[in-house]
Amino acid sequence: MSGDHKESAEIPEGKTLEGVFYFHPDDGIYQDHFPGYPVVPGSLIVHAFLEAAADAGFLPDYLAIENFRFREFLSPGHYAFRIQLDEERLNCLIYRGERKLVTGVLKR
Protein backbone atom coordinates (compact mmCIF):
# COMPACT_ATOMS: atom_id res chain seq x y z
CA MET A 1 0.00 0.00 0.00
CA SER A 2 1.63 3.19 -1.13
CA GLY A 3 2.79 5.45 1.67
CA ASP A 4 1.40 3.37 4.54
CA HIS A 5 3.52 1.72 7.18
CA LYS A 6 2.50 -0.23 10.22
CA GLU A 7 3.99 -2.20 13.04
CA SER A 8 2.18 -5.39 13.92
CA ALA A 9 2.49 -8.87 15.39
CA GLU A 10 0.44 -12.06 15.34
CA ILE A 11 -3.01 -11.84 16.95
CA PRO A 12 -3.69 -14.69 19.40
CA GLU A 13 -7.38 -15.66 19.87
CA GLY A 14 -9.11 -13.23 22.24
CA LYS A 15 -6.15 -10.87 22.17
CA THR A 16 -5.34 -7.46 20.78
CA LEU A 17 -2.94 -6.23 18.13
CA GLU A 18 -1.85 -2.61 18.46
CA GLY A 19 0.32 -0.49 16.24
CA VAL A 20 0.52 2.68 14.20
CA PHE A 21 -0.64 3.35 10.66
CA TYR A 22 1.23 6.03 8.76
CA PHE A 23 -0.43 7.71 5.81
CA HIS A 24 2.36 9.64 4.07
CA PRO A 25 1.43 13.24 3.22
CA ASP A 26 3.40 13.12 -0.07
CA ASP A 27 1.29 10.26 -1.47
CA GLY A 28 -0.13 11.32 -4.83
CA ILE A 29 -3.66 10.32 -3.85
CA TYR A 30 -4.04 13.59 -1.92
CA GLN A 31 -3.73 15.63 -5.11
CA ASP A 32 -7.31 14.57 -5.88
CA HIS A 33 -8.61 13.76 -2.39
CA PHE A 34 -9.04 16.72 -1.59
CA PRO A 35 -6.80 19.52 -2.93
CA GLY A 36 -5.97 21.99 -0.18
CA TYR A 37 -7.50 19.75 2.51
CA PRO A 38 -6.00 16.26 2.20
CA VAL A 39 -8.18 13.47 3.62
CA VAL A 40 -7.26 9.79 3.82
CA PRO A 41 -9.86 7.88 1.75
CA GLY A 42 -11.95 5.36 3.70
CA SER A 43 -10.94 2.61 1.28
CA LEU A 44 -7.27 3.21 2.12
CA ILE A 45 -8.06 2.97 5.85
CA VAL A 46 -9.92 -0.33 5.40
CA HIS A 47 -7.05 -1.61 3.24
CA ALA A 48 -4.58 -0.75 6.03
CA PHE A 49 -6.61 -2.91 8.44
CA LEU A 50 -6.73 -5.76 5.90
CA GLU A 51 -2.94 -5.60 5.49
CA ALA A 52 -2.39 -5.54 9.25
CA ALA A 53 -4.65 -8.60 9.62
CA ALA A 54 -2.77 -10.40 6.84
CA ASP A 55 0.62 -9.50 8.38
CA ALA A 56 -0.63 -10.97 11.67
CA GLY A 57 -1.39 -14.28 9.99
CA PHE A 58 -5.16 -13.86 9.76
CA LEU A 59 -5.52 -15.09 6.19
CA PRO A 60 -8.95 -16.63 5.65
CA ASP A 61 -10.29 -17.22 2.15
CA TYR A 62 -12.34 -14.09 2.51
CA LEU A 63 -13.15 -11.28 4.93
CA ALA A 64 -16.40 -9.33 4.96
CA ILE A 65 -16.15 -5.64 5.72
CA GLU A 66 -18.87 -4.63 8.17
CA ASN A 67 -20.03 -1.47 9.88
CA PHE A 68 -17.03 0.77 9.26
CA ARG A 69 -17.72 4.21 10.70
CA PHE A 70 -15.51 7.18 9.94
CA ARG A 71 -16.26 9.51 12.83
CA GLU A 72 -13.72 12.15 11.80
CA PHE A 73 -11.79 12.97 8.66
CA LEU A 74 -8.21 11.70 8.90
CA SER A 75 -5.53 13.92 7.44
CA PRO A 76 -2.27 12.23 6.42
CA GLY A 77 -0.07 11.30 9.37
CA HIS A 78 0.32 8.77 12.18
CA TYR A 79 -2.66 7.04 13.79
CA ALA A 80 -2.75 4.47 16.56
CA PHE A 81 -4.78 1.40 15.74
CA ARG A 82 -6.09 -1.62 17.59
CA ILE A 83 -7.44 -4.92 16.26
CA GLN A 84 -9.22 -7.23 18.71
CA LEU A 85 -9.70 -10.85 17.63
CA ASP A 86 -13.05 -12.17 18.86
CA GLU A 87 -13.83 -15.63 17.42
CA GLU A 88 -14.44 -14.98 13.71
CA ARG A 89 -14.38 -11.18 13.97
CA LEU A 90 -11.64 -8.59 13.92
CA ASN A 91 -12.87 -5.50 15.72
CA CYS A 92 -10.94 -2.56 14.25
CA LEU A 93 -10.29 0.82 15.81
CA ILE A 94 -8.25 3.93 15.00
CA TYR A 95 -8.08 6.25 17.95
CA ARG A 96 -6.44 9.36 19.35
CA GLY A 97 -6.40 9.42 23.13
CA GLU A 98 -9.91 8.47 24.22
CA ARG A 99 -11.50 9.51 20.90
CA LYS A 100 -12.58 6.82 18.45
CA LEU A 101 -11.85 8.08 14.95
CA VAL A 102 -12.64 4.94 12.92
CA THR A 103 -14.40 1.72 13.97
CA GLY A 104 -15.35 -1.36 11.99
CA VAL A 105 -15.39 -5.13 11.76
CA LEU A 106 -13.64 -7.59 9.46
CA LYS A 107 -15.44 -10.92 9.61
CA ARG A 108 -14.76 -14.39 8.19
C-alpha atoms as a PDB file:
ATOM      1  CA  MET A   1       0.000   0.000   0.000  1.00  0.00           C
ATOM      2  CA  SER A   2       1.628   3.192  -1.131  1.00  0.00           C
ATOM      3  CA  GLY A   3       2.785   5.447   1.674  1.00  0.00           C
ATOM      4  CA  ASP A   4       1.404   3.371   4.541  1.00  0.00           C
ATOM      5  CA  HIS A   5       3.515   1.723   7.175  1.00  0.00           C
ATOM      6  CA  LYS A   6       2.500  -0.228  10.224  1.00  0.00           C
ATOM      7  CA  GLU A   7       3.995  -2.197  13.037  1.00  0.00           C
ATOM      8  CA  SER A   8       2.180  -5.394  13.919  1.00  0.00           C
ATOM      9  CA  ALA A   9       2.493  -8.869  15.386  1.00  0.00           C
ATOM     10  CA  GLU A  10       0.441 -12.064  15.344  1.00  0.00           C
ATOM     11  CA  ILE A  11      -3.007 -11.840  16.954  1.00  0.00           C
ATOM     12  CA  PRO A  12      -3.689 -14.689  19.398  1.00  0.00           C
ATOM     13  CA  GLU A  13      -7.380 -15.660  19.865  1.00  0.00           C
ATOM     14  CA  GLY A  14      -9.114 -13.231  22.236  1.00  0.00           C
ATOM     15  CA  LYS A  15      -6.146 -10.873  22.172  1.00  0.00           C
ATOM     16  CA  THR A  16      -5.345  -7.463  20.779  1.00  0.00           C
ATOM     17  CA  LEU A  17      -2.937  -6.228  18.131  1.00  0.00           C
ATOM     18  CA  GLU A  18      -1.848  -2.612  18.464  1.00  0.00           C
ATOM     19  CA  GLY A  19       0.323  -0.492  16.236  1.00  0.00           C
ATOM     20  CA  VAL A  20       0.521   2.680  14.198  1.00  0.00           C
ATOM     21  CA  PHE A  21      -0.640   3.351  10.660  1.00  0.00           C
ATOM     22  CA  TYR A  22       1.231   6.031   8.756  1.00  0.00           C
ATOM     23  CA  PHE A  23      -0.432   7.714   5.810  1.00  0.00           C
ATOM     24  CA  HIS A  24       2.356   9.638   4.072  1.00  0.00           C
ATOM     25  CA  PRO A  25       1.429  13.245   3.219  1.00  0.00           C
ATOM     26  CA  ASP A  26       3.399  13.123  -0.071  1.00  0.00           C
ATOM     27  CA  ASP A  27       1.289  10.256  -1.467  1.00  0.00           C
ATOM     28  CA  GLY A  28      -0.128  11.321  -4.830  1.00  0.00           C
ATOM     29  CA  ILE A  29      -3.660  10.318  -3.851  1.00  0.00           C
ATOM     30  CA  TYR A  30      -4.038  13.588  -1.918  1.00  0.00           C
ATOM     31  CA  GLN A  31      -3.733  15.635  -5.107  1.00  0.00           C
ATOM     32  CA  ASP A  32      -7.310  14.571  -5.879  1.00  0.00           C
ATOM     33  CA  HIS A  33      -8.612  13.760  -2.393  1.00  0.00           C
ATOM     34  CA  PHE A  34      -9.045  16.720  -1.594  1.00  0.00           C
ATOM     35  CA  PRO A  35      -6.797  19.517  -2.931  1.00  0.00           C
ATOM     36  CA  GLY A  36      -5.972  21.988  -0.184  1.00  0.00           C
ATOM     37  CA  TYR A  37      -7.503  19.754   2.506  1.00  0.00           C
ATOM     38  CA  PRO A  38      -6.001  16.255   2.197  1.00  0.00           C
ATOM     39  CA  VAL A  39      -8.183  13.474   3.622  1.00  0.00           C
ATOM     40  CA  VAL A  40      -7.258   9.788   3.819  1.00  0.00           C
ATOM     41  CA  PRO A  41      -9.864   7.877   1.755  1.00  0.00           C
ATOM     42  CA  GLY A  42     -11.947   5.357   3.700  1.00  0.00           C
ATOM     43  CA  SER A  43     -10.942   2.610   1.277  1.00  0.00           C
ATOM     44  CA  LEU A  44      -7.273   3.215   2.124  1.00  0.00           C
ATOM     45  CA  ILE A  45      -8.059   2.974   5.848  1.00  0.00           C
ATOM     46  CA  VAL A  46      -9.918  -0.330   5.400  1.00  0.00           C
ATOM     47  CA  HIS A  47      -7.055  -1.607   3.241  1.00  0.00           C
ATOM     48  CA  ALA A  48      -4.577  -0.748   6.030  1.00  0.00           C
ATOM     49  CA  PHE A  49      -6.613  -2.912   8.435  1.00  0.00           C
ATOM     50  CA  LEU A  50      -6.728  -5.755   5.896  1.00  0.00           C
ATOM     51  CA  GLU A  51      -2.941  -5.603   5.486  1.00  0.00           C
ATOM     52  CA  ALA A  52      -2.391  -5.543   9.252  1.00  0.00           C
ATOM     53  CA  ALA A  53      -4.655  -8.596   9.615  1.00  0.00           C
ATOM     54  CA  ALA A  54      -2.766 -10.401   6.845  1.00  0.00           C
ATOM     55  CA  ASP A  55       0.616  -9.503   8.377  1.00  0.00           C
ATOM     56  CA  ALA A  56      -0.627 -10.965  11.674  1.00  0.00           C
ATOM     57  CA  GLY A  57      -1.387 -14.277   9.993  1.00  0.00           C
ATOM     58  CA  PHE A  58      -5.160 -13.861   9.763  1.00  0.00           C
ATOM     59  CA  LEU A  59      -5.525 -15.093   6.187  1.00  0.00           C
ATOM     60  CA  PRO A  60      -8.954 -16.629   5.647  1.00  0.00           C
ATOM     61  CA  ASP A  61     -10.290 -17.220   2.151  1.00  0.00           C
ATOM     62  CA  TYR A  62     -12.343 -14.087   2.514  1.00  0.00           C
ATOM     63  CA  LEU A  63     -13.153 -11.284   4.930  1.00  0.00           C
ATOM     64  CA  ALA A  64     -16.401  -9.330   4.959  1.00  0.00           C
ATOM     65  CA  ILE A  65     -16.145  -5.635   5.723  1.00  0.00           C
ATOM     66  CA  GLU A  66     -18.874  -4.634   8.166  1.00  0.00           C
ATOM     67  CA  ASN A  67     -20.030  -1.473   9.875  1.00  0.00           C
ATOM     68  CA  PHE A  68     -17.031   0.772   9.257  1.00  0.00           C
ATOM     69  CA  ARG A  69     -17.718   4.207  10.696  1.00  0.00           C
ATOM     70  CA  PHE A  70     -15.513   7.183   9.939  1.00  0.00           C
ATOM     71  CA  ARG A  71     -16.263   9.514  12.826  1.00  0.00           C
ATOM     72  CA  GLU A  72     -13.715  12.153  11.804  1.00  0.00           C
ATOM     73  CA  PHE A  73     -11.787  12.971   8.659  1.00  0.00           C
ATOM     74  CA  LEU A  74      -8.211  11.700   8.903  1.00  0.00           C
ATOM     75  CA  SER A  75      -5.533  13.922   7.444  1.00  0.00           C
ATOM     76  CA  PRO A  76      -2.272  12.233   6.420  1.00  0.00           C
ATOM     77  CA  GLY A  77      -0.067  11.301   9.370  1.00  0.00           C
ATOM     78  CA  HIS A  78       0.322   8.770  12.181  1.00  0.00           C
ATOM     79  CA  TYR A  79      -2.661   7.045  13.791  1.00  0.00           C
ATOM     80  CA  ALA A  80      -2.747   4.472  16.562  1.00  0.00           C
ATOM     81  CA  PHE A  81      -4.778   1.395  15.738  1.00  0.00           C
ATOM     82  CA  ARG A  82      -6.086  -1.624  17.590  1.00  0.00           C
ATOM     83  CA  ILE A  83      -7.436  -4.917  16.263  1.00  0.00           C
ATOM     84  CA  GLN A  84      -9.218  -7.228  18.711  1.00  0.00           C
ATOM     85  CA  LEU A  85      -9.705 -10.849  17.630  1.00  0.00           C
ATOM     86  CA  ASP A  86     -13.048 -12.171  18.859  1.00  0.00           C
ATOM     87  CA  GLU A  87     -13.830 -15.628  17.419  1.00  0.00           C
ATOM     88  CA  GLU A  88     -14.437 -14.982  13.711  1.00  0.00           C
ATOM     89  CA  ARG A  89     -14.376 -11.179  13.969  1.00  0.00           C
ATOM     90  CA  LEU A  90     -11.642  -8.594  13.924  1.00  0.00           C
ATOM     91  CA  ASN A  91     -12.872  -5.496  15.724  1.00  0.00           C
ATOM     92  CA  CYS A  92     -10.935  -2.562  14.245  1.00  0.00           C
ATOM     93  CA  LEU A  93     -10.288   0.825  15.806  1.00  0.00           C
ATOM     94  CA  ILE A  94      -8.250   3.929  15.002  1.00  0.00           C
ATOM     95  CA  TYR A  95      -8.080   6.254  17.946  1.00  0.00           C
ATOM     96  CA  ARG A  96      -6.435   9.356  19.348  1.00  0.00           C
ATOM     97  CA  GLY A  97      -6.403   9.416  23.132  1.00  0.00           C
ATOM     98  CA  GLU A  98      -9.911   8.470  24.219  1.00  0.00           C
ATOM     99  CA  ARG A  99     -11.503   9.508  20.899  1.00  0.00           C
ATOM    100  CA  LYS A 100     -12.583   6.819  18.452  1.00  0.00           C
ATOM    101  CA  LEU A 101     -11.845   8.075  14.951  1.00  0.00           C
ATOM    102  CA  VAL A 102     -12.643   4.936  12.924  1.00  0.00           C
ATOM    103  CA  THR A 103     -14.403   1.715  13.968  1.00  0.00           C
ATOM    104  CA  GLY A 104     -15.350  -1.357  11.993  1.00  0.00           C
ATOM    105  CA  VAL A 105     -15.385  -5.133  11.761  1.00  0.00           C
ATOM    106  CA  LEU A 106     -13.641  -7.588   9.465  1.00  0.00           C
ATOM    107  CA  LYS A 107     -15.443 -10.923   9.612  1.00  0.00           C
ATOM    108  CA  ARG A 108     -14.761 -14.395   8.195  1.00  0.00           C
END
